[in-house]
Amino acid sequence: MRRIALTVLLISIIIPLGGADWMRFRGPGATGLALDAKVPTKLDAKKHIAWKADLPGRGLSSPIIVGDRVIVTASGGRDQTRLYVICFNAKDGSKRWERQFWATGRTMSHRKTCVAAPSPTSDGKFIYAFYSTNDVICLDLDGNLQWLRGLTHDYPNASNSLGMSSSLMVVGDTLITQVENDSESFAVGLDTKTGVNRWKMSRPAAANWTSPILLKRKGGDLALLQSSAGMTAVEPKTGKVHWQFRDGASTIPSGVVGHGLIMIPSNGLTALRHIEGSEAPEIVWKQSRLGPSTASPIAVGDHVFVTNKVGVISAANVKDGEVAWRLRIQGPFSASPVAANGHLYFVNEKGLLQSVKIGAGEGELAGSIDLGQTVLGTPAIAGDALYVRSDRTLWKIAE
């Protein structure tokens, strides 16, 4: 009976197809997967850079793709007080529109990061942009402003000296925003139509740069909020807490859901399984040698892949956490990997884009393109193309 119950109650996740939109940090469900996308594997700069477009300011945020629109955020000006949302045509890289706003909150950040560190998101009808200044902006797909919320006006102590980078997640008509810091730390669910609070909860008073992930289940999807204290599962619309994992977690790489497990950077890497109705998740396995550095883990097929600070990829079995193989590529990495066409795609901080074949056997470096600029943002995949951004440039990589 237990096996049947587990089969019925295992967490399900929809694997995105190659043509699907990429509407948030790490794509659908924050998995990093677009498995059927026909992205080039043997990367060649002469053949595979379809176009590149200039950007007006700094940005660690990922691009998002909604239909034939590629949207990026940026911050500019001497003190990064100018906030940008820019939309490009996916086909040729021409600029469709650009909108600019003044920051209402603090712009201080570590020199490695910037104000436009959080990635925007979309529900397919509207674009939601968030910045380290705690400004939240809602636009329609043609760039028309719907609402703007300066959270610093309501919560003046919500900041830290290094800058914040938690990305947005929209679930139904609720926009989940983590504003977690050393002082006035909280998470909030905003009404997507108005920007007004649906709910607000206090969070651990510690700097945190992780982003929420989605747990799909029959009883209603849950948003998983990670922090130094562990992980909290909340009902997106109401903020009701369903369960908590209290054994601590990383404050930089975010967890990932796959194969009915929640794999969280905690004590290395810890795999959790939650059965609906239970008060807390069970620990399926814990592997102390699988702790990721900055890049978030990614689960593809029967393996979860973790990247350490020197560029070593570890492929571990999702069933028990045992390492199957390791491969060293050129790091270091701030961007998280994404997966398509039987390959993982990594871009290191120097702008070297690398593809790693992950089929049968051990991993193998398949190709690379040197983009020649510092890249700290995670790539996006849609329409059989890979999109990468630096502070100065947005690239489309495709056949």
Protein backbone atom coordinates (compact mmCIF):
# COMPACT_ATOMS: atom_id res chain seq x y z
CA MET A 1 0.00 0.00 0.00
CA ARG A 2 2.86 2.38 0.82
CA ARG A 3 4.31 1.95 -2.70
CA ILE A 4 0.91 2.72 -4.25
CA ALA A 5 0.47 5.75 -2.02
CA LEU A 6 3.90 7.08 -2.93
CA THR A 7 3.20 6.57 -6.62
CA VAL A 8 -0.04 8.50 -6.39
CA LEU A 9 1.37 11.29 -4.26
CA LEU A 10 4.78 11.79 -5.89
CA ILE A 11 5.43 15.33 -6.95
CA SER A 12 4.80 15.79 -10.65
CA ILE A 13 6.58 18.28 -12.89
CA ILE A 14 5.87 19.18 -16.49
CA ILE A 15 8.98 18.88 -18.66
CA PRO A 16 9.04 21.93 -20.95
CA LEU A 17 9.23 21.38 -24.70
CA GLY A 18 11.61 23.15 -27.03
CA GLY A 19 9.05 25.64 -28.29
CA ALA A 20 7.77 26.64 -24.84
CA ASP A 21 8.20 30.14 -23.50
CA TRP A 22 10.82 30.81 -20.84
CA MET A 23 9.05 33.20 -18.49
CA ARG A 24 11.19 33.27 -15.35
CA PHE A 25 14.62 32.57 -13.84
CA ARG A 26 15.58 28.99 -14.87
CA GLY A 27 12.43 28.65 -16.95
CA PRO A 28 9.26 26.66 -16.21
CA GLY A 29 9.16 25.56 -12.58
CA ALA A 30 12.71 26.93 -12.12
CA THR A 31 14.04 23.62 -13.47
CA GLY A 32 16.38 24.95 -16.16
CA LEU A 33 14.98 22.42 -18.64
CA ALA A 34 13.95 22.74 -22.30
CA LEU A 35 14.81 19.18 -23.23
CA ASP A 36 13.40 19.13 -26.78
CA ALA A 37 14.90 22.44 -27.84
CA LYS A 38 17.24 22.00 -30.81
CA VAL A 39 19.95 24.26 -29.46
CA PRO A 40 23.36 23.90 -31.17
CA THR A 41 25.64 21.48 -29.36
CA LYS A 42 29.01 21.76 -31.14
CA LEU A 43 29.15 25.47 -30.53
CA ASP A 44 30.80 27.63 -33.19
CA ALA A 45 30.90 31.44 -33.01
CA LYS A 46 30.83 31.83 -36.81
CA LYS A 47 27.81 29.57 -37.27
CA HIS A 48 25.74 29.93 -34.13
CA ILE A 49 25.61 33.59 -33.08
CA ALA A 50 22.31 34.44 -34.76
CA TRP A 51 22.38 38.05 -33.55
CA LYS A 52 23.56 40.28 -30.76
CA ALA A 53 22.04 43.48 -29.39
CA ASP A 54 23.48 46.29 -27.28
CA LEU A 55 22.21 46.85 -23.74
CA PRO A 56 22.15 50.24 -21.98
CA GLY A 57 23.33 49.23 -18.52
CA ARG A 58 24.36 46.55 -16.07
CA GLY A 59 22.41 43.38 -15.43
CA LEU A 60 22.79 39.95 -13.84
CA SER A 61 19.15 39.12 -14.49
CA SER A 62 18.22 36.39 -16.95
CA PRO A 63 16.36 37.14 -20.17
CA ILE A 64 12.78 35.91 -20.37
CA ILE A 65 11.00 34.94 -23.59
CA VAL A 66 7.27 35.41 -24.17
CA GLY A 67 6.24 34.42 -27.68
CA ASP A 68 8.40 36.41 -30.08
CA ARG A 69 9.52 38.86 -27.38
CA VAL A 70 12.83 38.70 -25.48
CA ILE A 71 12.73 40.86 -22.35
CA VAL A 72 15.69 41.91 -20.22
CA THR A 73 16.17 44.33 -17.34
CA ALA A 74 19.17 46.58 -16.71
CA SER A 75 20.30 49.39 -14.42
CA GLY A 76 22.26 52.44 -15.45
CA GLY A 77 23.51 55.85 -14.40
CA ARG A 78 26.33 56.78 -12.07
CA ASP A 79 24.57 55.31 -9.03
CA GLN A 80 22.39 52.81 -10.94
CA THR A 81 19.31 54.89 -10.27
CA ARG A 82 17.93 54.37 -13.79
CA LEU A 83 15.93 51.14 -14.17
CA TYR A 84 15.37 49.65 -17.63
CA VAL A 85 12.97 47.11 -19.09
CA ILE A 86 13.80 46.37 -22.74
CA CYS A 87 11.98 44.19 -25.27
CA PHE A 88 13.65 42.74 -28.39
CA ASN A 89 12.27 40.79 -31.34
CA ALA A 90 13.37 37.17 -31.01
CA LYS A 91 13.73 36.75 -34.79
CA ASP A 92 16.28 39.46 -35.55
CA GLY A 93 17.23 41.19 -32.29
CA SER A 94 15.68 44.53 -33.22
CA LYS A 95 14.44 46.58 -30.28
CA ARG A 96 10.68 46.58 -29.95
CA TRP A 97 10.45 48.97 -27.01
CA GLU A 98 12.33 50.31 -24.00
CA ARG A 99 11.01 51.74 -20.74
CA GLN A 100 12.93 53.65 -18.05
CA PHE A 101 12.11 54.35 -14.40
CA TRP A 102 13.78 56.05 -11.47
CA ALA A 103 14.76 53.85 -8.53
CA THR A 104 12.88 54.63 -5.32
CA GLY A 105 14.99 52.51 -2.96
CA ARG A 106 18.66 52.04 -2.08
CA THR A 107 21.07 51.33 -4.94
CA MET A 108 24.09 50.15 -2.95
CA SER A 109 25.52 46.78 -3.92
CA HIS A 110 28.76 44.83 -4.11
CA ARG A 111 30.79 45.81 -7.18
CA LYS A 112 30.37 42.33 -8.65
CA THR A 113 26.59 42.57 -8.67
CA CYS A 114 24.19 45.40 -9.55
CA VAL A 115 20.68 46.76 -9.08
CA ALA A 116 19.27 44.69 -11.99
CA ALA A 117 20.21 41.35 -10.45
CA PRO A 118 16.74 39.78 -9.91
CA SER A 119 15.24 38.21 -13.05
CA PRO A 120 11.85 39.39 -14.30
CA THR A 121 8.91 37.06 -14.87
CA SER A 122 5.71 36.89 -16.91
CA ASP A 123 2.35 35.14 -16.86
CA GLY A 124 2.09 35.41 -20.65
CA LYS A 125 0.00 38.60 -20.46
CA PHE A 126 2.09 40.93 -18.33
CA ILE A 127 5.74 41.45 -17.45
CA TYR A 128 6.83 41.83 -13.83
CA ALA A 129 10.26 43.32 -13.16
CA PHE A 130 12.02 43.53 -9.79
CA TYR A 131 15.23 45.27 -8.73
CA SER A 132 17.58 45.33 -5.75
CA THR A 133 16.03 48.72 -4.92
CA ASN A 134 12.81 46.82 -4.04
CA ASP A 135 10.97 48.42 -6.94
CA VAL A 136 8.38 46.15 -8.57
CA ILE A 137 7.09 47.16 -12.01
CA CYS A 138 4.22 45.65 -14.02
CA LEU A 139 3.99 46.28 -17.79
CA ASP A 140 1.86 44.76 -20.51
CA LEU A 141 3.59 43.02 -23.43
CA ASP A 142 3.68 46.29 -25.37
CA GLY A 143 5.49 48.08 -22.54
CA ASN A 144 2.53 50.01 -21.13
CA LEU A 145 2.84 50.58 -17.38
CA GLN A 146 0.14 48.88 -15.31
CA TRP A 147 1.44 49.59 -11.83
CA LEU A 148 4.64 50.32 -9.88
CA ARG A 149 5.32 49.48 -6.24
CA GLY A 150 8.27 50.90 -4.30
CA LEU A 151 8.45 48.44 -1.41
CA THR A 152 11.10 50.54 0.36
CA HIS A 153 8.43 53.20 1.03
CA ASP A 154 6.42 50.65 3.02
CA TYR A 155 9.36 48.73 4.50
CA PRO A 156 12.23 51.25 4.80
CA ASN A 157 14.73 48.91 6.49
CA ALA A 158 14.54 46.13 3.90
CA SER A 159 18.04 46.15 2.39
CA ASN A 160 21.59 44.97 2.80
CA SER A 161 24.92 46.48 1.82
CA LEU A 162 25.70 43.82 -0.83
CA GLY A 163 22.50 44.13 -2.88
CA MET A 164 19.66 41.66 -3.34
CA SER A 165 18.94 39.31 -6.22
CA SER A 166 16.02 36.98 -5.45
CA SER A 167 13.95 36.57 -8.62
CA LEU A 168 10.18 36.76 -8.94
CA MET A 169 7.75 33.87 -9.37
CA VAL A 170 4.13 34.27 -10.51
CA VAL A 171 1.61 31.56 -9.62
CA GLY A 172 -1.93 32.20 -10.83
CA ASP A 173 -2.75 35.78 -9.89
CA THR A 174 -0.09 36.07 -7.16
CA LEU A 175 3.43 37.47 -7.61
CA ILE A 176 5.78 36.00 -5.01
CA THR A 177 8.64 38.30 -4.01
CA GLN A 178 11.42 37.50 -1.54
CA VAL A 179 12.88 40.60 0.12
CA GLU A 180 15.21 38.83 2.54
CA ASN A 181 18.01 40.72 4.21
CA ASP A 182 19.83 41.43 7.48
CA SER A 183 17.17 43.78 8.80
CA GLU A 184 13.49 43.93 7.78
CA SER A 185 13.32 40.56 6.09
CA PHE A 186 10.09 39.28 4.55
CA ALA A 187 8.38 37.55 1.65
CA VAL A 188 5.23 38.91 0.10
CA GLY A 189 2.54 37.74 -2.29
CA LEU A 190 1.33 40.61 -4.48
CA ASP A 191 -1.91 40.78 -6.44
CA THR A 192 -0.78 40.68 -10.08
CA LYS A 193 -3.49 43.16 -11.11
CA THR A 194 -2.77 45.85 -8.53
CA GLY A 195 0.54 45.17 -6.78
CA VAL A 196 -1.25 45.22 -3.42
CA ASN A 197 -0.26 42.71 -0.73
CA ARG A 198 -2.27 39.50 -0.61
CA TRP A 199 -0.06 38.32 2.23
CA LYS A 200 3.24 39.08 3.94
CA MET A 201 5.34 36.88 6.19
CA SER A 202 8.47 37.53 8.23
CA ARG A 203 11.59 35.68 7.11
CA PRO A 204 14.95 34.99 8.81
CA ALA A 205 16.93 38.21 9.28
CA ALA A 206 19.87 37.22 7.09
CA ALA A 207 21.02 38.16 3.60
CA ASN A 208 19.55 35.70 1.10
CA TRP A 209 19.90 35.56 -2.68
CA THR A 210 17.92 32.40 -3.47
CA SER A 211 14.75 32.41 -5.58
CA PRO A 212 11.46 30.57 -5.01
CA ILE A 213 10.79 27.27 -6.77
CA LEU A 214 7.47 25.61 -7.59
CA LEU A 215 6.26 22.32 -6.14
CA LYS A 216 3.45 20.94 -8.30
CA ARG A 217 1.01 18.59 -6.55
CA LYS A 218 -2.57 17.39 -6.78
CA GLY A 219 -3.72 19.32 -3.74
CA GLY A 220 -2.55 22.64 -5.19
CA ASP A 221 0.86 23.98 -6.11
CA LEU A 222 3.16 25.26 -3.38
CA ALA A 223 5.89 27.90 -3.47
CA LEU A 224 9.12 26.76 -1.81
CA LEU A 225 11.06 29.56 -0.11
CA GLN A 226 14.67 28.77 0.76
CA SER A 227 16.79 30.58 3.34
CA SER A 228 19.61 30.02 5.82
CA ALA A 229 17.03 28.44 8.14
CA GLY A 230 15.94 25.81 5.60
CA MET A 231 12.87 25.69 3.35
CA THR A 232 9.25 26.76 3.82
CA ALA A 233 6.36 25.55 1.64
CA VAL A 234 3.60 28.15 1.32
CA GLU A 235 0.29 28.37 -0.47
CA PRO A 236 0.89 30.97 -3.20
CA LYS A 237 -2.42 32.83 -2.93
CA THR A 238 -2.73 33.00 0.85
CA GLY A 239 0.80 32.59 2.24
CA LYS A 240 -0.39 29.72 4.45
CA VAL A 241 2.55 27.61 5.57
CA HIS A 242 2.09 23.91 4.76
CA TRP A 243 5.40 22.57 6.06
CA GLN A 244 8.95 23.49 6.92
CA PHE A 245 12.38 21.90 6.61
CA ARG A 246 14.49 23.32 9.43
CA ASP A 247 17.98 21.91 8.88
CA GLY A 248 19.44 25.00 7.20
CA ALA A 249 20.20 25.70 3.53
CA SER A 250 22.40 27.76 1.24
CA THR A 251 21.63 31.44 0.69
CA ILE A 252 23.00 31.60 -2.89
CA PRO A 253 22.21 28.52 -5.06
CA SER A 254 18.53 27.61 -5.11
CA GLY A 255 17.07 24.10 -4.93
CA VAL A 256 15.46 22.17 -7.75
CA VAL A 257 12.49 19.80 -8.08
CA GLY A 258 12.66 16.59 -10.12
CA HIS A 259 11.80 12.87 -9.97
CA GLY A 260 9.37 13.50 -7.11
CA LEU A 261 12.16 14.99 -4.99
CA ILE A 262 13.13 18.42 -3.77
CA MET A 263 16.93 18.67 -3.95
CA ILE A 264 18.07 21.51 -1.74
CA PRO A 265 21.62 22.82 -1.13
CA SER A 266 21.72 21.86 2.55
CA ASN A 267 24.60 20.04 4.25
CA GLY A 268 25.95 19.45 0.77
CA LEU A 269 22.85 18.40 -1.17
CA THR A 270 19.79 16.95 0.54
CA ALA A 271 16.90 15.24 -1.27
CA LEU A 272 13.47 15.62 0.32
CA ARG A 273 10.14 13.97 -0.42
CA HIS A 274 6.88 15.32 0.92
CA ILE A 275 3.70 13.26 1.12
CA GLU A 276 0.55 15.39 1.04
CA GLY A 277 -0.99 15.66 4.45
CA SER A 278 2.24 15.07 6.38
CA GLU A 279 3.65 17.77 8.65
CA ALA A 280 7.20 17.70 7.29
CA PRO A 281 9.13 16.22 4.36
CA GLU A 282 11.22 13.10 4.78
CA ILE A 283 14.93 13.04 3.98
CA VAL A 284 15.52 10.53 1.17
CA TRP A 285 19.29 11.02 1.01
CA LYS A 286 21.99 13.46 2.00
CA GLN A 287 25.35 13.81 0.24
CA SER A 288 27.87 16.12 1.91
CA ARG A 289 30.22 16.10 -1.12
CA LEU A 290 27.59 17.50 -3.48
CA GLY A 291 27.43 21.04 -2.17
CA PRO A 292 27.11 23.54 -5.07
CA SER A 293 29.02 26.81 -5.11
CA THR A 294 27.09 29.70 -6.71
CA ALA A 295 25.36 27.88 -9.59
CA SER A 296 22.11 26.11 -8.69
CA PRO A 297 21.82 22.34 -9.23
CA ILE A 298 19.91 20.96 -12.23
CA ALA A 299 18.13 17.59 -12.53
CA VAL A 300 18.05 15.91 -15.94
CA GLY A 301 16.94 12.31 -16.48
CA ASP A 302 18.20 10.09 -13.69
CA HIS A 303 20.88 12.50 -12.51
CA VAL A 304 21.25 15.75 -10.63
CA PHE A 305 24.21 17.90 -11.63
CA VAL A 306 26.11 20.09 -9.20
CA THR A 307 28.94 22.52 -10.04
CA ASN A 308 31.58 23.51 -7.50
CA LYS A 309 33.67 26.69 -7.31
CA VAL A 310 36.55 25.37 -9.45
CA GLY A 311 34.32 24.19 -12.33
CA VAL A 312 33.94 20.49 -11.52
CA ILE A 313 30.56 19.07 -12.54
CA SER A 314 29.35 16.15 -10.40
CA ALA A 315 26.63 13.90 -11.81
CA ALA A 316 24.80 12.07 -9.03
CA ASN A 317 22.00 9.51 -9.15
CA VAL A 318 18.74 11.12 -8.05
CA LYS A 319 17.69 7.92 -6.27
CA ASP A 320 20.51 7.82 -3.73
CA GLY A 321 22.88 10.74 -4.33
CA GLU A 322 25.78 8.51 -5.34
CA VAL A 323 28.20 10.24 -7.74
CA ALA A 324 28.29 8.59 -11.20
CA TRP A 325 30.96 10.77 -12.81
CA ARG A 326 32.77 14.06 -12.62
CA LEU A 327 34.03 16.41 -15.32
CA ARG A 328 36.04 19.58 -15.01
CA ILE A 329 35.31 22.45 -17.37
CA GLN A 330 36.45 26.07 -17.33
CA GLY A 331 34.95 28.07 -14.47
CA PRO A 332 34.27 29.86 -12.23
CA PHE A 333 30.50 30.19 -12.58
CA SER A 334 27.96 32.64 -11.24
CA ALA A 335 25.32 31.61 -13.80
CA SER A 336 23.36 28.39 -13.31
CA PRO A 337 23.35 25.71 -16.04
CA VAL A 338 20.41 25.00 -18.34
CA ALA A 339 19.65 21.85 -20.33
CA ALA A 340 18.50 21.11 -23.90
CA ASN A 341 19.09 18.61 -26.68
CA GLY A 342 20.95 16.09 -24.51
CA HIS A 343 23.41 18.72 -23.26
CA LEU A 344 24.04 21.03 -20.34
CA TYR A 345 24.97 24.63 -21.14
CA PHE A 346 27.29 26.58 -18.86
CA VAL A 347 28.61 30.11 -19.23
CA ASN A 348 31.47 31.09 -16.98
CA GLU A 349 32.25 34.50 -15.54
CA LYS A 350 34.67 35.30 -18.39
CA GLY A 351 31.91 34.70 -20.95
CA LEU A 352 32.95 31.25 -22.17
CA LEU A 353 29.79 29.37 -23.18
CA GLN A 354 30.33 25.59 -22.95
CA SER A 355 28.11 22.65 -23.89
CA VAL A 356 28.50 19.30 -22.13
CA LYS A 357 27.02 16.10 -23.55
CA ILE A 358 25.29 14.11 -20.81
CA GLY A 359 23.96 11.02 -22.58
CA ALA A 360 25.07 7.47 -21.84
CA GLY A 361 28.35 7.15 -19.99
CA GLU A 362 30.34 10.06 -18.63
CA GLY A 363 30.00 13.72 -19.53
CA GLU A 364 31.93 15.14 -22.46
CA LEU A 365 32.71 18.72 -23.48
CA ALA A 366 31.04 19.15 -26.87
CA GLY A 367 31.83 22.75 -27.84
CA SER A 368 32.34 26.32 -26.70
CA ILE A 369 32.00 29.95 -27.78
CA ASP A 370 34.03 32.74 -26.20
CA LEU A 371 31.64 35.69 -25.93
CA GLY A 372 34.46 37.94 -24.74
CA GLN A 373 32.55 39.70 -21.95
CA THR A 374 31.86 39.07 -18.28
CA VAL A 375 28.67 37.03 -17.92
CA LEU A 376 27.07 36.46 -14.52
CA GLY A 377 23.43 35.89 -15.55
CA THR A 378 21.83 32.50 -16.24
CA PRO A 379 20.94 31.80 -19.91
CA ALA A 380 17.39 31.24 -21.19
CA ILE A 381 16.07 28.78 -23.82
CA ALA A 382 13.08 29.14 -26.15
CA GLY A 383 12.27 28.49 -29.80
CA ASP A 384 15.34 26.26 -30.31
CA ALA A 385 17.64 29.10 -29.25
CA LEU A 386 19.79 29.97 -26.28
CA TYR A 387 19.85 33.57 -25.01
CA VAL A 388 22.80 34.91 -23.01
CA ARG A 389 23.32 38.40 -21.61
CA SER A 390 26.21 40.39 -20.20
CA ASP A 391 26.22 43.97 -18.93
CA ARG A 392 26.63 45.25 -22.49
CA THR A 393 25.20 42.64 -24.86
CA LEU A 394 22.35 40.18 -25.44
CA TRP A 395 23.18 37.21 -27.70
CA LYS A 396 20.97 34.70 -29.46
CA ILE A 397 22.67 31.33 -30.06
CA ALA A 398 20.91 29.18 -32.67
CA GLU A 399 21.38 27.13 -35.82
